[in-house]
Amino acid sequence: MQFPYIPHTDEDVREMLGRSGARSIDELFNDIPENIRLKKLLDLPKALSELELRAELYNIASENKNSTDNAVFLGAGSYDHYIPSVVNHIAGRAEFYTAYTPYQAEFSQGVLQVFFEYQTMICRLTGMDVSNASMYDGASALAESILMACNTGSRKKAIISRGIHPEYISTSRTYLKNTGIEIIEVDIKNGITDIVMLGALVDENTGCVVFSNPNFFGCIEDVFEIEKICHSKGAYLIASVDPISLGLLVPPSEYNADIAVGEGQPLGNDMSFGGPYLGFFAAKKDFLRKMPGRIIGLSADKDGLPACTLTLQTREQHIRREKATSNICSNEALCALKAAVYLSVVGKEGLTEIARQCAQKAHYLKEQIIKISGFKEKFTSPFFKEFAIECKKSVKEINEELLKKNIIGGYDLGRAYPEMKNTMLLCVTEKRTEEEIDRFVNVLKKVK
């Protein structure tokens, strides 16, 4: 055979052509104009044996700097947390190993139960009433939350803190471009939302106020003051939160947030070069029938035994188009499964300990850095596991020096915020050891 990787025998091909009425494979493609058909084989290298191919792929992969051989101090939305081995073990089982929500869902009780448990855990984590079975990622979850809030309140203005991840803001602008919803950004002051500016912007036309806690700079927002301003004008309050931080910080329900969203990657999912991830989405019960995605419910079968069911779906494919609130087409089922296993394994006390270690180690690193001449903290607001440092050289040059010592440095804030040239956003998780932190500091001491 010309292509040995195609499983059909010559007899298979002849039989299929006979059934189709075509005399040859080329005849099947008669509808394709002759002038745009490929007349030669693709210019590909010669075939390799499996052994040779594995060696080639290993050599290519070894050119990447990974989190096993390097200490990672880079965060900015993707975090190097420890993943217990049981997470991938369970997620790799055949009955769970799918990246998609099954159709004929009630036949898939195991998967539905996982989603039901996942929703329950997200509700307990955020303190909100209802959760869906996950979104594409934190950015899409945030954009969908703005759409839901503005449509529910019949208002067309969303006030967004500039302390939100810049890619989340960009995604939201793209998402809402043709909806008539106006996005207005609020400046930051000392690393957190400018409360005075926020108060001046929020009015009776504001559909929602959106902020992150901790925010993109790692700083902890004045959540109760933001809530007071938001609800005084009847707007909905949307909080984008780091789920790990909820081991220490007050959950969105305690400052009366209406919607809580965020990126679930820190919950048992690898960094994976930026995806796939999962967005969690929780809200007050008033939004139950307006939330995007799918919601799994617990019912009983004909014998009275507990049975999960795909209860609510707001996608236009599943209900009448005029009643659909979102066309988001999937969820990140495998990633949500990992999040559910992770939260089950670490438990309430474990999550608190992870959050505590992140905060303590981050503060230790910051205190060591600001002792070095030429480095100073950008903001003095309280922070969780990320903080910004003004550097005496470009972030690119410093990161190159760090990489020589097997250290992946921080995010260059000048990329998204031109006014923050030579400012590095650093992240410290529970995985970082004292030796790694001290090695990081020693490299900075030698920067000329």
Protein backbone atom coordinates (compact mmCIF):
# COMPACT_ATOMS: atom_id res chain seq x y z
CA MET A 1 0.00 0.00 0.00
CA GLN A 2 1.14 3.54 -0.70
CA PHE A 3 0.22 4.78 2.80
CA PRO A 4 0.74 2.02 5.38
CA TYR A 5 -0.87 4.06 8.16
CA ILE A 6 -4.27 3.83 6.39
CA PRO A 7 -5.96 0.67 7.75
CA HIS A 8 -8.10 -0.17 4.69
CA THR A 9 -7.00 -3.04 2.49
CA ASP A 10 -7.19 -2.90 -1.31
CA GLU A 11 -10.28 -5.11 -1.09
CA ASP A 12 -11.88 -2.63 1.39
CA VAL A 13 -11.25 0.21 -1.04
CA ARG A 14 -12.73 -1.68 -3.99
CA GLU A 15 -15.85 -2.57 -2.00
CA MET A 16 -16.38 1.01 -0.82
CA LEU A 17 -15.93 2.37 -4.33
CA GLY A 18 -18.43 -0.18 -5.58
CA ARG A 19 -21.00 0.91 -3.00
CA SER A 20 -20.43 4.60 -3.82
CA GLY A 21 -20.70 4.09 -7.58
CA ALA A 22 -17.31 5.70 -8.21
CA ARG A 23 -14.77 3.95 -10.44
CA SER A 24 -11.72 5.36 -8.60
CA ILE A 25 -10.72 7.41 -5.56
CA ASP A 26 -9.86 10.31 -7.88
CA GLU A 27 -13.42 10.26 -9.17
CA LEU A 28 -14.67 10.94 -5.64
CA PHE A 29 -12.95 14.34 -5.83
CA ASN A 30 -14.27 15.43 -9.23
CA ASP A 31 -16.01 18.41 -7.63
CA ILE A 32 -12.62 19.93 -6.73
CA PRO A 33 -11.38 22.11 -9.64
CA GLU A 34 -8.36 20.65 -11.39
CA ASN A 35 -6.33 23.86 -11.08
CA ILE A 36 -6.32 23.82 -7.25
CA ARG A 37 -5.54 20.13 -6.76
CA LEU A 38 -2.15 19.13 -5.38
CA LYS A 39 -0.26 17.35 -8.14
CA LYS A 40 2.70 16.11 -6.09
CA LEU A 41 3.46 14.55 -2.75
CA LEU A 42 4.03 16.80 0.24
CA ASP A 43 7.68 17.68 0.86
CA LEU A 44 8.04 15.69 4.07
CA PRO A 45 11.14 14.04 5.50
CA LYS A 46 11.45 10.30 5.13
CA ALA A 47 9.53 8.09 7.53
CA LEU A 48 11.11 7.15 10.85
CA SER A 49 10.78 4.00 12.89
CA GLU A 50 8.94 4.28 16.21
CA LEU A 51 12.26 4.17 18.07
CA GLU A 52 13.75 6.90 15.89
CA LEU A 53 10.61 9.04 16.16
CA ARG A 54 10.58 8.87 19.96
CA ALA A 55 14.23 9.95 20.05
CA GLU A 56 13.51 12.84 17.67
CA LEU A 57 10.52 14.05 19.70
CA TYR A 58 12.55 13.81 22.91
CA ASN A 59 15.31 15.97 21.38
CA ILE A 60 12.78 18.58 20.28
CA ALA A 61 11.07 18.59 23.70
CA SER A 62 14.39 18.93 25.52
CA GLU A 63 14.82 22.39 23.98
CA ASN A 64 11.97 23.64 26.20
CA LYS A 65 12.61 24.85 29.72
CA ASN A 66 10.27 22.85 31.95
CA SER A 67 9.03 23.16 35.51
CA THR A 68 10.69 19.91 36.58
CA ASP A 69 14.27 21.02 35.91
CA ASN A 70 13.72 24.72 36.59
CA ALA A 71 12.34 26.71 39.54
CA VAL A 72 9.34 28.68 38.28
CA PHE A 73 8.71 32.21 39.59
CA LEU A 74 6.41 33.08 36.69
CA GLY A 75 2.67 33.41 37.33
CA ALA A 76 0.47 36.00 35.63
CA GLY A 77 -2.45 33.62 35.15
CA SER A 78 -0.74 30.22 34.94
CA TYR A 79 0.60 28.74 38.15
CA ASP A 80 3.08 26.04 39.11
CA HIS A 81 1.27 24.35 41.99
CA TYR A 82 1.92 20.80 43.12
CA ILE A 83 -0.44 18.22 41.64
CA PRO A 84 -0.90 15.06 43.77
CA SER A 85 -0.23 11.91 41.72
CA VAL A 86 -3.73 10.57 42.37
CA VAL A 87 -5.21 13.43 40.30
CA ASN A 88 -3.78 12.24 36.99
CA HIS A 89 -4.22 8.60 37.98
CA ILE A 90 -7.98 8.99 38.36
CA ALA A 91 -8.33 11.39 35.41
CA GLY A 92 -6.59 8.80 33.23
CA ARG A 93 -9.12 6.05 33.91
CA ALA A 94 -10.98 4.95 30.80
CA GLU A 95 -14.44 5.75 32.19
CA PHE A 96 -13.41 9.37 32.79
CA TYR A 97 -10.89 10.04 30.06
CA THR A 98 -12.85 12.41 27.84
CA ALA A 99 -12.37 16.07 27.09
CA TYR A 100 -16.02 16.62 26.26
CA THR A 101 -19.45 16.48 27.83
CA PRO A 102 -21.20 13.27 26.70
CA TYR A 103 -24.44 13.42 24.77
CA GLN A 104 -27.10 10.94 25.91
CA ALA A 105 -25.72 12.22 29.20
CA GLU A 106 -27.78 10.14 31.61
CA PHE A 107 -25.98 7.01 30.37
CA SER A 108 -22.76 8.55 31.73
CA GLN A 109 -23.55 8.59 35.43
CA GLY A 110 -19.92 8.53 36.51
CA VAL A 111 -19.04 11.65 34.55
CA LEU A 112 -22.22 13.43 35.61
CA GLN A 113 -21.54 12.65 39.25
CA VAL A 114 -18.06 14.15 38.90
CA PHE A 115 -19.57 17.34 37.47
CA PHE A 116 -22.18 17.45 40.23
CA GLU A 117 -19.46 17.10 42.87
CA TYR A 118 -17.35 19.70 41.07
CA GLN A 119 -20.25 22.18 41.12
CA THR A 120 -20.79 21.52 44.83
CA MET A 121 -17.12 22.14 45.61
CA ILE A 122 -17.04 25.39 43.63
CA CYS A 123 -20.11 26.58 45.53
CA ARG A 124 -18.50 25.74 48.86
CA LEU A 125 -15.25 27.37 47.81
CA THR A 126 -16.85 30.64 46.67
CA GLY A 127 -19.85 30.60 49.01
CA MET A 128 -22.19 31.12 46.04
CA ASP A 129 -25.52 29.35 45.53
CA VAL A 130 -25.07 27.70 42.11
CA SER A 131 -22.23 26.71 39.81
CA ASN A 132 -22.15 25.42 36.26
CA ALA A 133 -20.08 22.49 35.01
CA SER A 134 -17.19 24.79 33.94
CA MET A 135 -16.32 27.11 31.07
CA TYR A 136 -13.48 27.27 28.55
CA ASP A 137 -11.16 29.28 30.81
CA GLY A 138 -11.06 32.20 33.23
CA ALA A 139 -11.24 34.77 30.42
CA SER A 140 -14.38 33.32 28.80
CA ALA A 141 -15.99 32.90 32.22
CA LEU A 142 -15.42 36.59 32.95
CA ALA A 143 -16.76 37.70 29.56
CA GLU A 144 -19.86 35.50 29.94
CA SER A 145 -20.46 36.89 33.43
CA ILE A 146 -20.48 40.46 32.11
CA LEU A 147 -22.88 39.48 29.34
CA MET A 148 -25.19 37.74 31.82
CA ALA A 149 -25.13 40.62 34.32
CA CYS A 150 -25.80 43.36 31.76
CA ASN A 151 -28.56 41.40 30.03
CA THR A 152 -30.22 40.54 33.34
CA GLY A 153 -30.22 44.14 34.52
CA SER A 154 -31.00 45.56 31.05
CA ARG A 155 -28.07 47.93 31.36
CA LYS A 156 -25.32 48.48 28.81
CA LYS A 157 -22.28 49.64 30.78
CA ALA A 158 -19.66 47.47 32.46
CA ILE A 159 -17.06 49.04 34.76
CA ILE A 160 -13.87 46.94 34.82
CA SER A 161 -10.87 47.45 37.08
CA ARG A 162 -7.56 47.77 35.26
CA GLY A 163 -6.27 45.37 37.88
CA ILE A 164 -7.91 42.49 35.99
CA HIS A 165 -5.69 40.29 33.81
CA PRO A 166 -5.15 42.28 30.58
CA GLU A 167 -5.95 39.22 28.45
CA TYR A 168 -9.26 38.83 30.30
CA ILE A 169 -10.12 42.43 29.47
CA SER A 170 -9.13 41.89 25.83
CA THR A 171 -11.26 38.73 25.63
CA SER A 172 -14.22 40.56 27.15
CA ARG A 173 -13.94 43.40 24.65
CA THR A 174 -13.91 40.91 21.77
CA TYR A 175 -16.80 38.93 23.27
CA LEU A 176 -18.99 41.99 23.78
CA LYS A 177 -18.02 43.93 20.65
CA ASN A 178 -21.39 43.63 18.89
CA THR A 179 -23.65 43.49 21.95
CA GLY A 180 -23.93 47.21 22.59
CA ILE A 181 -22.32 46.80 26.01
CA GLU A 182 -19.76 49.49 26.75
CA ILE A 183 -16.64 48.56 28.75
CA ILE A 184 -15.06 51.31 30.83
CA GLU A 185 -11.79 50.70 32.66
CA VAL A 186 -10.98 52.02 36.13
CA ASP A 187 -7.37 52.96 36.85
CA ILE A 188 -5.34 51.42 39.63
CA LYS A 189 -3.75 53.30 42.50
CA ASN A 190 -0.95 51.68 44.48
CA GLY A 191 -1.74 48.36 42.83
CA ILE A 192 -5.48 48.27 43.54
CA THR A 193 -8.65 49.73 42.03
CA ASP A 194 -8.91 53.52 42.37
CA ILE A 195 -11.94 53.77 44.66
CA VAL A 196 -12.51 57.48 44.03
CA MET A 197 -12.54 56.99 40.24
CA LEU A 198 -14.80 53.96 40.60
CA GLY A 199 -17.29 55.97 42.61
CA ALA A 200 -17.37 58.66 39.95
CA LEU A 201 -17.94 56.17 37.11
CA VAL A 202 -20.68 53.96 38.57
CA ASP A 203 -24.16 55.28 37.90
CA GLU A 204 -27.73 54.13 37.19
CA ASN A 205 -26.69 52.89 33.73
CA THR A 206 -24.00 50.57 35.09
CA GLY A 207 -24.86 46.91 34.63
CA CYS A 208 -21.92 45.51 36.57
CA VAL A 209 -18.65 46.28 38.33
CA VAL A 210 -15.86 43.79 37.67
CA PHE A 211 -12.65 43.30 39.66
CA SER A 212 -10.14 40.60 40.61
CA ASN A 213 -9.10 39.56 44.10
CA PRO A 214 -6.19 39.11 44.27
CA ASN A 215 -5.76 41.18 41.14
CA PHE A 216 -3.31 40.76 38.26
CA PHE A 217 -0.58 42.47 40.29
CA GLY A 218 -1.17 40.09 43.19
CA CYS A 219 -2.65 42.84 45.37
CA ILE A 220 -5.68 42.36 47.59
CA GLU A 221 -8.54 44.71 46.74
CA ASP A 222 -10.72 46.71 49.12
CA VAL A 223 -13.61 44.36 48.38
CA PHE A 224 -16.12 45.78 50.85
CA GLU A 225 -15.69 49.34 49.59
CA ILE A 226 -16.08 48.18 45.97
CA GLU A 227 -19.25 46.30 46.93
CA LYS A 228 -20.71 49.36 48.62
CA ILE A 229 -20.17 51.57 45.56
CA CYS A 230 -21.47 48.93 43.15
CA HIS A 231 -24.68 48.02 44.91
CA SER A 232 -25.50 51.63 45.81
CA LYS A 233 -26.38 52.11 42.12
CA GLY A 234 -28.10 48.75 41.65
CA ALA A 235 -25.29 47.22 39.58
CA TYR A 236 -24.20 43.59 39.85
CA LEU A 237 -20.84 42.81 41.44
CA ILE A 238 -18.57 40.34 39.60
CA ALA A 239 -15.49 38.98 41.37
CA SER A 240 -12.75 37.11 39.50
CA VAL A 241 -10.82 35.14 42.09
CA ASP A 242 -7.81 32.84 42.42
CA PRO A 243 -9.29 29.62 43.87
CA ILE A 244 -6.14 28.88 45.89
CA SER A 245 -6.40 32.27 47.61
CA LEU A 246 -9.79 31.26 49.01
CA GLY A 247 -7.92 29.04 51.44
CA LEU A 248 -7.04 32.29 53.26
CA LEU A 249 -9.08 35.20 51.88
CA VAL A 250 -12.78 35.78 52.42
CA PRO A 251 -14.93 34.16 49.71
CA PRO A 252 -16.97 36.30 47.29
CA SER A 253 -20.19 35.55 49.17
CA GLU A 254 -18.90 37.35 52.27
CA TYR A 255 -18.61 40.65 50.42
CA ASN A 256 -21.95 40.06 48.69
CA ALA A 257 -20.67 39.39 45.17
CA ASP A 258 -23.43 38.47 42.74
CA ILE A 259 -21.21 36.41 40.44
CA ALA A 260 -17.86 34.72 41.09
CA VAL A 261 -15.65 33.48 38.28
CA GLY A 262 -12.02 32.52 37.85
CA GLU A 263 -9.39 30.30 36.33
CA GLY A 264 -9.45 26.74 37.67
CA GLN A 265 -5.99 25.75 36.36
CA PRO A 266 -4.38 25.97 39.85
CA LEU A 267 -6.74 23.18 40.96
CA GLY A 268 -4.82 20.11 39.83
CA ASN A 269 -4.17 21.09 36.22
CA ASP A 270 -0.77 21.45 34.56
CA MET A 271 0.38 24.77 33.12
CA SER A 272 0.50 23.07 29.68
CA PHE A 273 1.89 26.07 27.80
CA GLY A 274 -1.31 28.02 28.50
CA GLY A 275 -4.09 25.50 28.03
CA PRO A 276 -6.47 23.82 27.92
CA TYR A 277 -7.74 25.27 31.19
CA LEU A 278 -11.15 25.60 32.78
CA GLY A 279 -13.17 28.57 33.93
CA PHE A 280 -15.33 28.21 37.00
CA PHE A 281 -18.58 30.16 37.14
CA ALA A 282 -20.78 30.54 40.22
CA ALA A 283 -23.56 32.95 41.13
CA LYS A 284 -26.50 33.72 43.35
CA LYS A 285 -29.54 31.50 42.78
CA ASP A 286 -31.36 34.35 40.98
CA PHE A 287 -29.12 33.61 37.96
CA LEU A 288 -29.84 29.87 37.88
CA ARG A 289 -31.73 29.91 34.56
CA LYS A 290 -29.51 32.54 32.97
CA MET A 291 -26.09 31.00 33.51
CA PRO A 292 -24.13 29.85 30.43
CA GLY A 293 -23.05 26.27 29.96
CA ARG A 294 -24.52 23.23 31.69
CA ILE A 295 -25.78 22.57 35.20
CA ILE A 296 -25.93 19.03 36.57
CA GLY A 297 -28.69 18.14 39.04
CA LEU A 298 -29.30 15.24 41.39
CA SER A 299 -32.52 13.29 40.96
CA ALA A 300 -33.66 9.68 41.30
CA ASP A 301 -34.14 6.87 38.79
CA LYS A 302 -37.25 4.69 38.37
CA ASP A 303 -36.09 2.49 41.26
CA GLY A 304 -35.68 5.46 43.58
CA LEU A 305 -31.89 5.36 43.50
CA PRO A 306 -29.83 8.58 43.27
CA ALA A 307 -29.21 9.59 39.66
CA CYS A 308 -27.53 12.65 38.17
CA THR A 309 -29.05 14.43 35.20
CA LEU A 310 -28.11 17.18 32.78
CA THR A 311 -30.68 19.57 34.22
CA LEU A 312 -30.21 22.97 32.60
CA GLN A 313 -28.57 24.00 29.32
CA THR A 314 -28.79 27.54 28.00
CA ARG A 315 -27.05 26.83 24.69
CA GLU A 316 -29.10 27.58 21.59
CA GLN A 317 -28.52 24.05 20.27
CA HIS A 318 -30.47 22.63 23.19
CA ILE A 319 -33.30 25.11 23.66
CA ARG A 320 -35.20 27.57 21.50
CA ARG A 321 -32.79 30.14 20.11
CA GLU A 322 -34.72 33.14 21.41
CA LYS A 323 -34.46 31.72 24.94
CA ALA A 324 -30.76 30.87 24.74
CA THR A 325 -28.52 33.04 26.92
CA SER A 326 -25.21 31.82 25.51
CA ASN A 327 -23.80 29.85 22.63
CA ILE A 328 -20.80 28.57 24.55
CA CYS A 329 -20.54 25.10 23.10
CA SER A 330 -18.55 22.94 25.46
CA ASN A 331 -16.92 22.71 28.82
CA GLU A 332 -13.50 21.51 29.88
CA ALA A 333 -14.70 18.18 31.25
CA LEU A 334 -11.33 16.55 31.82
CA CYS A 335 -9.93 19.70 33.47
CA ALA A 336 -13.01 19.96 35.70
CA LEU A 337 -12.56 16.32 36.66
CA LYS A 338 -8.99 17.05 37.75
CA ALA A 339 -10.18 20.05 39.76
CA ALA A 340 -12.77 17.91 41.55
CA VAL A 341 -10.21 15.21 42.38
CA TYR A 342 -7.69 17.83 43.52
CA LEU A 343 -10.14 19.53 45.88
CA SER A 344 -11.23 16.13 47.23
CA VAL A 345 -7.64 15.13 47.92
CA VAL A 346 -6.30 18.33 49.52
CA GLY A 347 -9.50 19.09 51.45
CA LYS A 348 -10.31 22.24 53.38
CA GLU A 349 -7.27 22.13 55.67
CA GLY A 350 -4.93 21.24 52.83
CA LEU A 351 -6.12 24.17 50.72
CA THR A 352 -5.60 26.51 53.65
CA GLU A 353 -2.07 25.19 54.15
CA ILE A 354 -1.24 25.58 50.44
CA ALA A 355 -2.51 29.17 50.47
CA ARG A 356 -0.60 29.91 53.68
CA GLN A 357 2.67 28.62 52.23
CA CYS A 358 2.18 30.61 49.02
CA ALA A 359 1.65 33.83 50.99
CA GLN A 360 4.51 33.28 53.43
CA LYS A 361 7.06 32.30 50.79
CA ALA A 362 6.07 35.18 48.51
CA HIS A 363 6.50 37.67 51.36
CA TYR A 364 9.86 36.12 52.27
CA LEU A 365 11.11 36.57 48.68
CA LYS A 366 9.90 40.15 48.51
CA GLU A 367 11.64 41.06 51.76
CA GLN A 368 14.92 39.61 50.48
CA ILE A 369 14.71 41.38 47.11
CA ILE A 370 14.03 44.87 48.43
CA LYS A 371 17.26 44.63 50.47
CA ILE A 372 19.19 44.56 47.18
CA SER A 373 20.35 47.90 45.77
CA GLY A 374 18.46 48.85 42.62
CA PHE A 375 15.33 46.79 43.36
CA LYS A 376 12.21 48.09 45.10
CA GLU A 377 8.59 47.09 45.50
CA LYS A 378 6.25 48.69 42.99
CA PHE A 379 3.21 48.73 45.26
CA THR A 380 2.77 48.74 49.03
CA SER A 381 -0.75 47.28 49.05
CA PRO A 382 -1.13 43.85 50.73
CA PHE A 383 -0.61 40.91 48.35
CA PHE A 384 -1.15 37.16 48.27
CA LYS A 385 1.37 35.14 46.19
CA GLU A 386 2.35 37.63 43.48
CA PHE A 387 4.04 41.02 43.73
CA ALA A 388 5.67 43.58 41.43
CA ILE A 389 9.31 44.66 41.68
CA GLU A 390 10.96 47.62 39.95
CA CYS A 391 14.30 46.49 38.53
CA LYS A 392 17.49 48.37 37.69
CA LYS A 393 17.76 46.59 34.32
CA SER A 394 15.26 45.31 31.79
CA VAL A 395 13.22 42.30 32.84
CA LYS A 396 14.39 40.48 29.71
CA GLU A 397 18.06 40.82 30.69
CA ILE A 398 17.41 39.72 34.27
CA ASN A 399 15.38 36.70 33.14
CA GLU A 400 18.23 35.66 30.87
CA GLU A 401 20.60 35.67 33.84
CA LEU A 402 18.11 33.73 35.95
CA LEU A 403 17.68 31.10 33.24
CA LYS A 404 21.40 30.37 33.34
CA LYS A 405 20.83 29.18 36.92
CA ASN A 406 17.77 27.08 35.99
CA ILE A 407 15.32 29.70 37.22
CA ILE A 408 12.31 30.86 35.18
CA GLY A 409 11.85 34.50 36.13
CA GLY A 410 8.82 36.73 36.34
CA TYR A 411 6.45 38.42 33.90
CA ASP A 412 7.51 41.67 32.26
CA LEU A 413 4.71 44.07 33.19
CA GLY A 414 5.96 46.51 30.56
CA ARG A 415 4.45 44.20 27.92
CA ALA A 416 0.90 45.09 28.94
CA TYR A 417 1.51 48.32 30.86
CA PRO A 418 3.99 50.63 29.07
CA GLU A 419 4.24 52.83 32.16
CA MET A 420 5.68 49.87 34.08
CA LYS A 421 8.90 49.51 32.15
CA ASN A 422 11.54 47.40 33.95
CA THR A 423 8.95 46.04 36.36
CA MET A 424 8.74 42.30 37.04
CA LEU A 425 5.69 40.45 38.36
CA LEU A 426 6.87 37.53 40.50
CA CYS A 427 4.93 34.55 41.79
CA VAL A 428 5.80 32.12 44.59
CA THR A 429 3.79 28.94 45.12
CA GLU A 430 4.03 26.24 47.77
CA LYS A 431 6.43 24.32 45.49
CA ARG A 432 9.26 26.80 45.85
CA THR A 433 11.88 25.81 48.40
CA GLU A 434 14.00 28.08 50.56
CA GLU A 435 17.05 27.02 48.54
CA GLU A 436 15.37 28.03 45.27
CA ILE A 437 14.26 31.38 46.68
CA ASP A 438 17.75 32.12 48.02
CA ARG A 439 19.28 31.11 44.67
CA PHE A 440 16.92 33.56 42.95
CA VAL A 441 18.00 36.34 45.33
CA ASN A 442 21.70 35.57 44.81
CA VAL A 443 21.32 35.99 41.04
CA LEU A 444 19.71 39.41 41.56
CA LYS A 445 22.57 40.45 43.86
CA LYS A 446 25.01 39.91 40.97
CA VAL A 447 23.02 41.97 38.46
CA LYS A 448 25.14 45.01 37.54
